[in-house]
Amino acid sequence: MGRIDGKVALVTGGAQGLGEAAVGRLVEEGAIVILSDANTETGGVTADKYGVAFERHDVREESQWESLMSRILKQHGRLDILVNNAGIFTSCPVDETPLEDFRRVIDINLIGCFLGCKHGVRTMARNANESGGSIINLSSVTGLRGQIGGAAYSSSKGGVRLLTKTVAIENAARQIRCNSIHPGTMYTPMVEALFDSAGDAAPAIKAQIESQTPIGRMGEPADIADMVLFLASDESKYVTGAEMVVDGGMTTGLPY
């Protein structure tokens, strides 16, 4: 018997990386999963891989959230788990960041998460027997502290952190929990692409990252997927408004 048997889950940005890992882990533990992503080609392939439904979804568009939630209710009658994972990464000094780039990051990473919370709460509030649900927002360690080049990205992820706490406070009485996950440097396709672009310098960059991580390695998508599962399950039924830091110790402040 799985830890979340029969629960209905939506994972945004589930086509690859952390989102794909979350999809796979939730399926393993018995959830009925809907994978949404703006990338139809990759999203469709990943959905087929795990045997889940795929929805093309631009998280910036409120009308798409409304129609998606309507379809989920029509087909499944409820929503128990929402993983707001869709996001993009940029790195640029604040004085060189174009306004349009800053707005795009905020729109996808923060506005998209806000819309997910808004319509996730509305949908979960309709669950039978006032059973509530679990909203899981993917933030970052850069949502806890500044980062060189992180004017846009850190701002968006810091916003996700405090949005999460507000949603948690407002909806605790309705048994709708909301928590944020703060990954450190994870070895995802996005990071792999950054290493590829670095060429011969990639091994040195990787070694530097690992030297700044007390546990001695970069994180893996499975590390985040396991935290998603915990927050999705009834094992975390008394956890809401929390910051779940999964970073190998890099934000402990200890010299290493």
C-alpha atoms as a PDB file:
ATOM      1  CA  MET A   1       0.000   0.000   0.000  1.00  0.00           C
ATOM      2  CA  GLY A   2       1.387   3.405  -1.010  1.00  0.00           C
ATOM      3  CA  ARG A   3       1.758   6.375   1.313  1.00  0.00           C
ATOM      4  CA  ILE A   4      -0.616   8.503  -0.785  1.00  0.00           C
ATOM      5  CA  ASP A   5      -2.864   5.897  -2.379  1.00  0.00           C
ATOM      6  CA  GLY A   6      -5.703   7.416  -4.378  1.00  0.00           C
ATOM      7  CA  LYS A   7      -4.769  11.041  -3.738  1.00  0.00           C
ATOM      8  CA  VAL A   8      -5.098  13.345  -6.748  1.00  0.00           C
ATOM      9  CA  ALA A   9      -1.976  15.421  -7.444  1.00  0.00           C
ATOM     10  CA  LEU A  10      -1.054  18.160  -9.914  1.00  0.00           C
ATOM     11  CA  VAL A  11       2.629  18.856 -10.594  1.00  0.00           C
ATOM     12  CA  THR A  12       3.435  21.956 -12.648  1.00  0.00           C
ATOM     13  CA  GLY A  13       6.637  22.068 -14.655  1.00  0.00           C
ATOM     14  CA  GLY A  14       6.698  18.294 -14.434  1.00  0.00           C
ATOM     15  CA  ALA A  15       8.357  17.564 -17.760  1.00  0.00           C
ATOM     16  CA  GLN A  16      11.901  17.227 -16.450  1.00  0.00           C
ATOM     17  CA  GLY A  17      14.263  17.869 -13.568  1.00  0.00           C
ATOM     18  CA  LEU A  18      12.781  18.272 -10.100  1.00  0.00           C
ATOM     19  CA  GLY A  19       9.243  18.184 -11.467  1.00  0.00           C
ATOM     20  CA  GLU A  20       9.751  14.881 -13.230  1.00  0.00           C
ATOM     21  CA  ALA A  21      11.293  13.373 -10.107  1.00  0.00           C
ATOM     22  CA  ALA A  22       8.283  14.496  -8.078  1.00  0.00           C
ATOM     23  CA  VAL A  23       5.888  12.976 -10.617  1.00  0.00           C
ATOM     24  CA  GLY A  24       7.700   9.652 -10.484  1.00  0.00           C
ATOM     25  CA  ARG A  25       7.816   9.534  -6.684  1.00  0.00           C
ATOM     26  CA  LEU A  26       4.134  10.414  -6.271  1.00  0.00           C
ATOM     27  CA  VAL A  27       3.149   7.757  -8.802  1.00  0.00           C
ATOM     28  CA  GLU A  28       5.287   5.161  -6.981  1.00  0.00           C
ATOM     29  CA  GLU A  29       3.359   5.840  -3.790  1.00  0.00           C
ATOM     30  CA  GLY A  30      -0.092   5.509  -5.332  1.00  0.00           C
ATOM     31  CA  ALA A  31      -1.173   9.008  -6.356  1.00  0.00           C
ATOM     32  CA  ILE A  32      -3.247   9.849  -9.415  1.00  0.00           C
ATOM     33  CA  VAL A  33      -0.984  12.448 -11.037  1.00  0.00           C
ATOM     34  CA  ILE A  34      -1.634  15.170 -13.584  1.00  0.00           C
ATOM     35  CA  LEU A  35       1.562  16.571 -15.105  1.00  0.00           C
ATOM     36  CA  SER A  36       1.413  20.082 -16.521  1.00  0.00           C
ATOM     37  CA  ASP A  37       4.086  21.935 -18.482  1.00  0.00           C
ATOM     38  CA  ALA A  38       4.454  24.608 -21.147  1.00  0.00           C
ATOM     39  CA  ASN A  39       6.654  22.242 -23.159  1.00  0.00           C
ATOM     40  CA  THR A  40       4.221  19.931 -24.899  1.00  0.00           C
ATOM     41  CA  GLU A  41       6.802  17.667 -26.525  1.00  0.00           C
ATOM     42  CA  THR A  42       8.869  16.907 -23.425  1.00  0.00           C
ATOM     43  CA  GLY A  43       5.806  16.967 -21.198  1.00  0.00           C
ATOM     44  CA  GLY A  44       4.005  14.397 -23.322  1.00  0.00           C
ATOM     45  CA  VAL A  45       7.010  12.067 -23.352  1.00  0.00           C
ATOM     46  CA  THR A  46       7.415  12.286 -19.570  1.00  0.00           C
ATOM     47  CA  ALA A  47       3.698  11.737 -18.992  1.00  0.00           C
ATOM     48  CA  ASP A  48       3.802   8.603 -21.138  1.00  0.00           C
ATOM     49  CA  LYS A  49       6.869   7.399 -19.244  1.00  0.00           C
ATOM     50  CA  TYR A  50       5.010   7.436 -15.921  1.00  0.00           C
ATOM     51  CA  GLY A  51       1.543   6.670 -17.242  1.00  0.00           C
ATOM     52  CA  VAL A  52       0.000   9.968 -16.128  1.00  0.00           C
ATOM     53  CA  ALA A  53      -2.186  12.613 -17.733  1.00  0.00           C
ATOM     54  CA  PHE A  54      -0.534  15.597 -19.417  1.00  0.00           C
ATOM     55  CA  GLU A  55      -1.871  19.153 -19.629  1.00  0.00           C
ATOM     56  CA  ARG A  56      -0.289  21.972 -21.603  1.00  0.00           C
ATOM     57  CA  HIS A  57      -0.113  24.814 -19.106  1.00  0.00           C
ATOM     58  CA  ASP A  58       1.318  28.324 -18.975  1.00  0.00           C
ATOM     59  CA  VAL A  59       1.290  29.080 -15.246  1.00  0.00           C
ATOM     60  CA  ARG A  60       1.209  32.837 -15.922  1.00  0.00           C
ATOM     61  CA  GLU A  61      -2.292  32.642 -17.400  1.00  0.00           C
ATOM     62  CA  GLU A  62      -5.132  32.645 -14.872  1.00  0.00           C
ATOM     63  CA  SER A  63      -7.668  31.407 -17.424  1.00  0.00           C
ATOM     64  CA  GLN A  64      -5.552  28.278 -17.924  1.00  0.00           C
ATOM     65  CA  TRP A  65      -5.515  27.622 -14.172  1.00  0.00           C
ATOM     66  CA  GLU A  66      -9.296  27.969 -14.067  1.00  0.00           C
ATOM     67  CA  SER A  67      -9.896  25.585 -16.947  1.00  0.00           C
ATOM     68  CA  LEU A  68      -7.330  23.065 -15.669  1.00  0.00           C
ATOM     69  CA  MET A  69      -8.857  22.947 -12.195  1.00  0.00           C
ATOM     70  CA  SER A  70     -12.300  22.583 -13.733  1.00  0.00           C
ATOM     71  CA  ARG A  71     -11.140  19.567 -15.754  1.00  0.00           C
ATOM     72  CA  ILE A  72      -9.509  17.985 -12.694  1.00  0.00           C
ATOM     73  CA  LEU A  73     -12.710  18.366 -10.682  1.00  0.00           C
ATOM     74  CA  LYS A  74     -14.826  17.006 -13.520  1.00  0.00           C
ATOM     75  CA  GLN A  75     -12.630  13.940 -13.980  1.00  0.00           C
ATOM     76  CA  HIS A  76     -11.513  13.204 -10.405  1.00  0.00           C
ATOM     77  CA  GLY A  77     -13.892  15.143  -8.165  1.00  0.00           C
ATOM     78  CA  ARG A  78     -11.122  16.547  -5.958  1.00  0.00           C
ATOM     79  CA  LEU A  79      -7.539  17.807  -5.697  1.00  0.00           C
ATOM     80  CA  ASP A  80      -5.413  16.667  -2.755  1.00  0.00           C
ATOM     81  CA  ILE A  81      -1.876  17.715  -3.708  1.00  0.00           C
ATOM     82  CA  LEU A  82      -0.553  20.659  -5.691  1.00  0.00           C
ATOM     83  CA  VAL A  83       3.159  20.964  -6.416  1.00  0.00           C
ATOM     84  CA  ASN A  84       3.965  24.451  -7.717  1.00  0.00           C
ATOM     85  CA  ASN A  85       7.259  23.566  -9.369  1.00  0.00           C
ATOM     86  CA  ALA A  86       7.228  25.445 -12.693  1.00  0.00           C
ATOM     87  CA  GLY A  87      10.005  28.008 -12.848  1.00  0.00           C
ATOM     88  CA  ILE A  88      12.967  29.408 -14.732  1.00  0.00           C
ATOM     89  CA  PHE A  89      16.480  30.413 -13.669  1.00  0.00           C
ATOM     90  CA  THR A  90      18.475  33.475 -14.673  1.00  0.00           C
ATOM     91  CA  SER A  91      21.705  35.026 -13.462  1.00  0.00           C
ATOM     92  CA  CYS A  92      22.638  38.649 -14.122  1.00  0.00           C
ATOM     93  CA  PRO A  93      23.962  41.579 -12.048  1.00  0.00           C
ATOM     94  CA  VAL A  94      21.185  43.913 -10.954  1.00  0.00           C
ATOM     95  CA  ASP A  95      22.564  46.879 -12.927  1.00  0.00           C
ATOM     96  CA  GLU A  96      22.638  44.812 -16.110  1.00  0.00           C
ATOM     97  CA  THR A  97      19.273  43.057 -15.757  1.00  0.00           C
ATOM     98  CA  PRO A  98      16.776  44.140 -18.437  1.00  0.00           C
ATOM     99  CA  LEU A  99      13.368  45.012 -17.006  1.00  0.00           C
ATOM    100  CA  GLU A 100      11.644  42.575 -19.348  1.00  0.00           C
ATOM    101  CA  ASP A 101      13.850  39.726 -18.073  1.00  0.00           C
ATOM    102  CA  PHE A 102      13.097  40.597 -14.441  1.00  0.00           C
ATOM    103  CA  ARG A 103       9.366  40.676 -15.158  1.00  0.00           C
ATOM    104  CA  ARG A 104       9.459  37.331 -16.977  1.00  0.00           C
ATOM    105  CA  VAL A 105      11.132  35.608 -14.022  1.00  0.00           C
ATOM    106  CA  ILE A 106       8.659  37.149 -11.567  1.00  0.00           C
ATOM    107  CA  ASP A 107       5.723  36.258 -13.811  1.00  0.00           C
ATOM    108  CA  ILE A 108       6.656  32.582 -14.079  1.00  0.00           C
ATOM    109  CA  ASN A 109       8.229  31.899 -10.691  1.00  0.00           C
ATOM    110  CA  LEU A 110       6.114  34.083  -8.400  1.00  0.00           C
ATOM    111  CA  ILE A 111       2.899  35.031 -10.221  1.00  0.00           C
ATOM    112  CA  GLY A 112       2.599  31.437 -11.459  1.00  0.00           C
ATOM    113  CA  CYS A 113       2.949  30.178  -7.889  1.00  0.00           C
ATOM    114  CA  PHE A 114       0.429  32.749  -6.631  1.00  0.00           C
ATOM    115  CA  LEU A 115      -2.121  31.635  -9.209  1.00  0.00           C
ATOM    116  CA  GLY A 116      -1.473  28.022  -8.275  1.00  0.00           C
ATOM    117  CA  CYS A 117      -2.081  28.779  -4.596  1.00  0.00           C
ATOM    118  CA  LYS A 118      -5.184  30.841  -5.371  1.00  0.00           C
ATOM    119  CA  HIS A 119      -6.855  28.205  -7.503  1.00  0.00           C
ATOM    120  CA  GLY A 120      -5.418  25.301  -5.523  1.00  0.00           C
ATOM    121  CA  VAL A 121      -7.078  26.651  -2.366  1.00  0.00           C
ATOM    122  CA  ARG A 122     -10.372  27.220  -4.172  1.00  0.00           C
ATOM    123  CA  THR A 123     -10.327  23.679  -5.518  1.00  0.00           C
ATOM    124  CA  MET A 124      -9.205  21.936  -2.324  1.00  0.00           C
ATOM    125  CA  ALA A 125     -11.868  23.802  -0.361  1.00  0.00           C
ATOM    126  CA  ARG A 126     -14.416  21.833  -2.380  1.00  0.00           C
ATOM    127  CA  ASN A 127     -13.012  18.445  -1.366  1.00  0.00           C
ATOM    128  CA  ALA A 128     -15.517  16.197   0.346  1.00  0.00           C
ATOM    129  CA  ASN A 129     -15.636  16.024   4.157  1.00  0.00           C
ATOM    130  CA  GLU A 130     -13.526  19.191   4.439  1.00  0.00           C
ATOM    131  CA  SER A 131     -10.457  17.002   3.982  1.00  0.00           C
ATOM    132  CA  GLY A 132      -8.278  19.883   2.829  1.00  0.00           C
ATOM    133  CA  GLY A 133      -5.062  19.251   0.953  1.00  0.00           C
ATOM    134  CA  SER A 134      -1.367  19.997   0.636  1.00  0.00           C
ATOM    135  CA  ILE A 135       0.173  22.778  -1.463  1.00  0.00           C
ATOM    136  CA  ILE A 136       3.917  22.438  -1.965  1.00  0.00           C
ATOM    137  CA  ASN A 137       5.791  25.417  -3.388  1.00  0.00           C
ATOM    138  CA  LEU A 138       9.290  25.072  -4.809  1.00  0.00           C
ATOM    139  CA  SER A 139      11.427  27.969  -3.632  1.00  0.00           C
ATOM    140  CA  SER A 140      15.230  27.887  -3.324  1.00  0.00           C
ATOM    141  CA  VAL A 141      18.050  28.540  -0.896  1.00  0.00           C
ATOM    142  CA  THR A 142      18.310  31.841  -2.773  1.00  0.00           C
ATOM    143  CA  GLY A 143      14.865  32.616  -1.389  1.00  0.00           C
ATOM    144  CA  LEU A 144      16.493  32.637   2.045  1.00  0.00           C
ATOM    145  CA  ARG A 145      19.557  34.737   1.235  1.00  0.00           C
ATOM    146  CA  GLY A 146      20.973  36.853  -1.558  1.00  0.00           C
ATOM    147  CA  GLN A 147      22.995  35.512  -4.439  1.00  0.00           C
ATOM    148  CA  ILE A 148      25.370  37.151  -6.888  1.00  0.00           C
ATOM    149  CA  GLY A 149      23.429  37.532 -10.127  1.00  0.00           C
ATOM    150  CA  GLY A 150      20.178  36.728  -8.378  1.00  0.00           C
ATOM    151  CA  ALA A 151      18.281  40.017  -8.600  1.00  0.00           C
ATOM    152  CA  ALA A 152      15.400  38.402 -10.464  1.00  0.00           C
ATOM    153  CA  TYR A 153      15.640  34.779  -9.343  1.00  0.00           C
ATOM    154  CA  SER A 154      16.218  35.457  -5.641  1.00  0.00           C
ATOM    155  CA  SER A 155      13.436  38.040  -5.602  1.00  0.00           C
ATOM    156  CA  SER A 156      11.006  35.555  -7.096  1.00  0.00           C
ATOM    157  CA  LYS A 157      11.954  32.735  -4.741  1.00  0.00           C
ATOM    158  CA  GLY A 158      11.920  34.999  -1.686  1.00  0.00           C
ATOM    159  CA  GLY A 159       8.413  35.982  -2.697  1.00  0.00           C
ATOM    160  CA  VAL A 160       7.426  32.318  -2.924  1.00  0.00           C
ATOM    161  CA  ARG A 161       8.687  31.813   0.646  1.00  0.00           C
ATOM    162  CA  LEU A 162       6.469  34.501   2.158  1.00  0.00           C
ATOM    163  CA  LEU A 163       3.520  33.726  -0.109  1.00  0.00           C
ATOM    164  CA  THR A 164       3.680  30.194   1.276  1.00  0.00           C
ATOM    165  CA  LYS A 165       3.456  31.387   4.869  1.00  0.00           C
ATOM    166  CA  THR A 166       0.501  33.639   4.080  1.00  0.00           C
ATOM    167  CA  VAL A 167      -1.401  30.837   2.349  1.00  0.00           C
ATOM    168  CA  ALA A 168      -0.641  28.547   5.299  1.00  0.00           C
ATOM    169  CA  ILE A 169      -1.982  31.018   7.874  1.00  0.00           C
ATOM    170  CA  GLU A 170      -5.103  31.852   5.904  1.00  0.00           C
ATOM    171  CA  ASN A 171      -6.106  28.251   5.258  1.00  0.00           C
ATOM    172  CA  ALA A 172      -5.008  26.263   8.303  1.00  0.00           C
ATOM    173  CA  ALA A 173      -8.548  26.105   9.667  1.00  0.00           C
ATOM    174  CA  ARG A 174      -9.651  24.550   6.364  1.00  0.00           C
ATOM    175  CA  GLN A 175      -6.964  21.861   6.727  1.00  0.00           C
ATOM    176  CA  ILE A 176      -5.234  23.130   3.585  1.00  0.00           C
ATOM    177  CA  ARG A 177      -1.530  23.038   4.334  1.00  0.00           C
ATOM    178  CA  CYS A 178       1.096  25.030   2.439  1.00  0.00           C
ATOM    179  CA  ASN A 179       4.861  24.552   2.731  1.00  0.00           C
ATOM    180  CA  SER A 180       7.918  25.590   0.743  1.00  0.00           C
ATOM    181  CA  ILE A 181      10.906  23.510  -0.298  1.00  0.00           C
ATOM    182  CA  HIS A 182      14.285  25.221  -0.637  1.00  0.00           C
ATOM    183  CA  PRO A 183      16.687  23.161  -2.747  1.00  0.00           C
ATOM    184  CA  GLY A 184      20.398  23.839  -2.804  1.00  0.00           C
ATOM    185  CA  THR A 185      22.390  23.193  -5.962  1.00  0.00           C
ATOM    186  CA  MET A 186      20.733  20.187  -7.581  1.00  0.00           C
ATOM    187  CA  TYR A 187      22.074  18.214 -10.536  1.00  0.00           C
ATOM    188  CA  THR A 188      19.214  18.800 -12.964  1.00  0.00           C
ATOM    189  CA  PRO A 189      19.149  19.225 -16.772  1.00  0.00           C
ATOM    190  CA  MET A 190      19.263  22.993 -16.184  1.00  0.00           C
ATOM    191  CA  VAL A 191      22.503  22.736 -14.189  1.00  0.00           C
ATOM    192  CA  GLU A 192      23.895  20.193 -16.625  1.00  0.00           C
ATOM    193  CA  ALA A 193      23.313  22.699 -19.442  1.00  0.00           C
ATOM    194  CA  LEU A 194      25.194  25.357 -17.455  1.00  0.00           C
ATOM    195  CA  PHE A 195      28.132  22.974 -17.052  1.00  0.00           C
ATOM    196  CA  ASP A 196      28.071  22.200 -20.761  1.00  0.00           C
ATOM    197  CA  SER A 197      28.222  25.899 -21.588  1.00  0.00           C
ATOM    198  CA  ALA A 198      31.201  26.311 -19.244  1.00  0.00           C
ATOM    199  CA  GLY A 199      33.305  23.912 -21.302  1.00  0.00           C
ATOM    200  CA  ASP A 200      36.691  23.090 -19.777  1.00  0.00           C
ATOM    201  CA  ALA A 201      35.866  25.167 -16.695  1.00  0.00           C
ATOM    202  CA  ALA A 202      32.968  22.881 -15.715  1.00  0.00           C
ATOM    203  CA  PRO A 203      34.968  20.475 -13.469  1.00  0.00           C
ATOM    204  CA  ALA A 204      36.362  23.391 -11.464  1.00  0.00           C
ATOM    205  CA  ILE A 205      32.907  24.934 -11.060  1.00  0.00           C
ATOM    206  CA  LYS A 206      31.471  21.610  -9.910  1.00  0.00           C
ATOM    207  CA  ALA A 207      34.343  21.124  -7.453  1.00  0.00           C
ATOM    208  CA  GLN A 208      33.770  24.604  -6.034  1.00  0.00           C
ATOM    209  CA  ILE A 209      30.066  23.914  -5.493  1.00  0.00           C
ATOM    210  CA  GLU A 210      30.832  20.625  -3.762  1.00  0.00           C
ATOM    211  CA  SER A 211      33.484  22.263  -1.559  1.00  0.00           C
ATOM    212  CA  GLN A 212      30.847  24.715  -0.313  1.00  0.00           C
ATOM    213  CA  THR A 213      28.419  21.918   0.561  1.00  0.00           C
ATOM    214  CA  PRO A 214      29.161  20.246   3.904  1.00  0.00           C
ATOM    215  CA  ILE A 215      27.642  16.951   2.802  1.00  0.00           C
ATOM    216  CA  GLY A 216      30.168  16.918  -0.049  1.00  0.00           C
ATOM    217  CA  ARG A 217      28.032  16.513  -3.144  1.00  0.00           C
ATOM    218  CA  MET A 218      25.425  18.226  -5.256  1.00  0.00           C
ATOM    219  CA  GLY A 219      21.835  17.263  -4.641  1.00  0.00           C
ATOM    220  CA  GLU A 220      19.829  14.946  -6.859  1.00  0.00           C
ATOM    221  CA  PRO A 221      16.222  15.359  -8.014  1.00  0.00           C
ATOM    222  CA  ALA A 222      15.289  12.343  -5.891  1.00  0.00           C
ATOM    223  CA  ASP A 223      16.314  14.282  -2.766  1.00  0.00           C
ATOM    224  CA  ILE A 224      13.621  16.858  -3.518  1.00  0.00           C
ATOM    225  CA  ALA A 225      11.083  14.268  -4.632  1.00  0.00           C
ATOM    226  CA  ASP A 226      11.343  12.547  -1.253  1.00  0.00           C
ATOM    227  CA  MET A 227      10.567  15.850   0.510  1.00  0.00           C
ATOM    228  CA  VAL A 228       7.627  16.424  -1.839  1.00  0.00           C
ATOM    229  CA  LEU A 229       6.296  13.004  -0.906  1.00  0.00           C
ATOM    230  CA  PHE A 230       6.618  13.711   2.819  1.00  0.00           C
ATOM    231  CA  LEU A 231       4.723  17.005   2.514  1.00  0.00           C
ATOM    232  CA  ALA A 232       2.098  15.377   0.293  1.00  0.00           C
ATOM    233  CA  SER A 233       1.462  12.547   2.728  1.00  0.00           C
ATOM    234  CA  ASP A 234      -0.428  12.451   6.018  1.00  0.00           C
ATOM    235  CA  GLU A 235       2.935  12.011   7.754  1.00  0.00           C
ATOM    236  CA  SER A 236       3.217  15.818   7.599  1.00  0.00           C
ATOM    237  CA  LYS A 237      -0.356  16.549   8.662  1.00  0.00           C
ATOM    238  CA  TYR A 238       0.834  18.919  11.436  1.00  0.00           C
ATOM    239  CA  VAL A 239       3.311  20.758   9.197  1.00  0.00           C
ATOM    240  CA  THR A 240       2.267  24.002   7.537  1.00  0.00           C
ATOM    241  CA  GLY A 241       4.009  27.273   6.752  1.00  0.00           C
ATOM    242  CA  ALA A 242       7.377  25.551   7.048  1.00  0.00           C
ATOM    243  CA  GLU A 243      10.592  26.080   5.084  1.00  0.00           C
ATOM    244  CA  MET A 244      11.990  22.667   4.219  1.00  0.00           C
ATOM    245  CA  VAL A 245      15.646  23.266   3.340  1.00  0.00           C
ATOM    246  CA  VAL A 246      17.215  20.478   1.270  1.00  0.00           C
ATOM    247  CA  ASP A 247      20.702  21.750   0.540  1.00  0.00           C
ATOM    248  CA  GLY A 248      23.312  19.433   1.994  1.00  0.00           C
ATOM    249  CA  GLY A 249      24.023  21.961   4.703  1.00  0.00           C
ATOM    250  CA  MET A 250      25.156  24.816   2.458  1.00  0.00           C
ATOM    251  CA  THR A 251      23.052  27.429   4.298  1.00  0.00           C
ATOM    252  CA  THR A 252      24.052  26.403   7.807  1.00  0.00           C
ATOM    253  CA  GLY A 253      26.592  29.227   7.948  1.00  0.00           C
ATOM    254  CA  LEU A 254      29.279  26.879   9.203  1.00  0.00           C
ATOM    255  CA  PRO A 255      32.775  27.184   7.686  1.00  0.00           C
ATOM    256  CA  TYR A 256      33.702  24.169   5.609  1.00  0.00           C
END
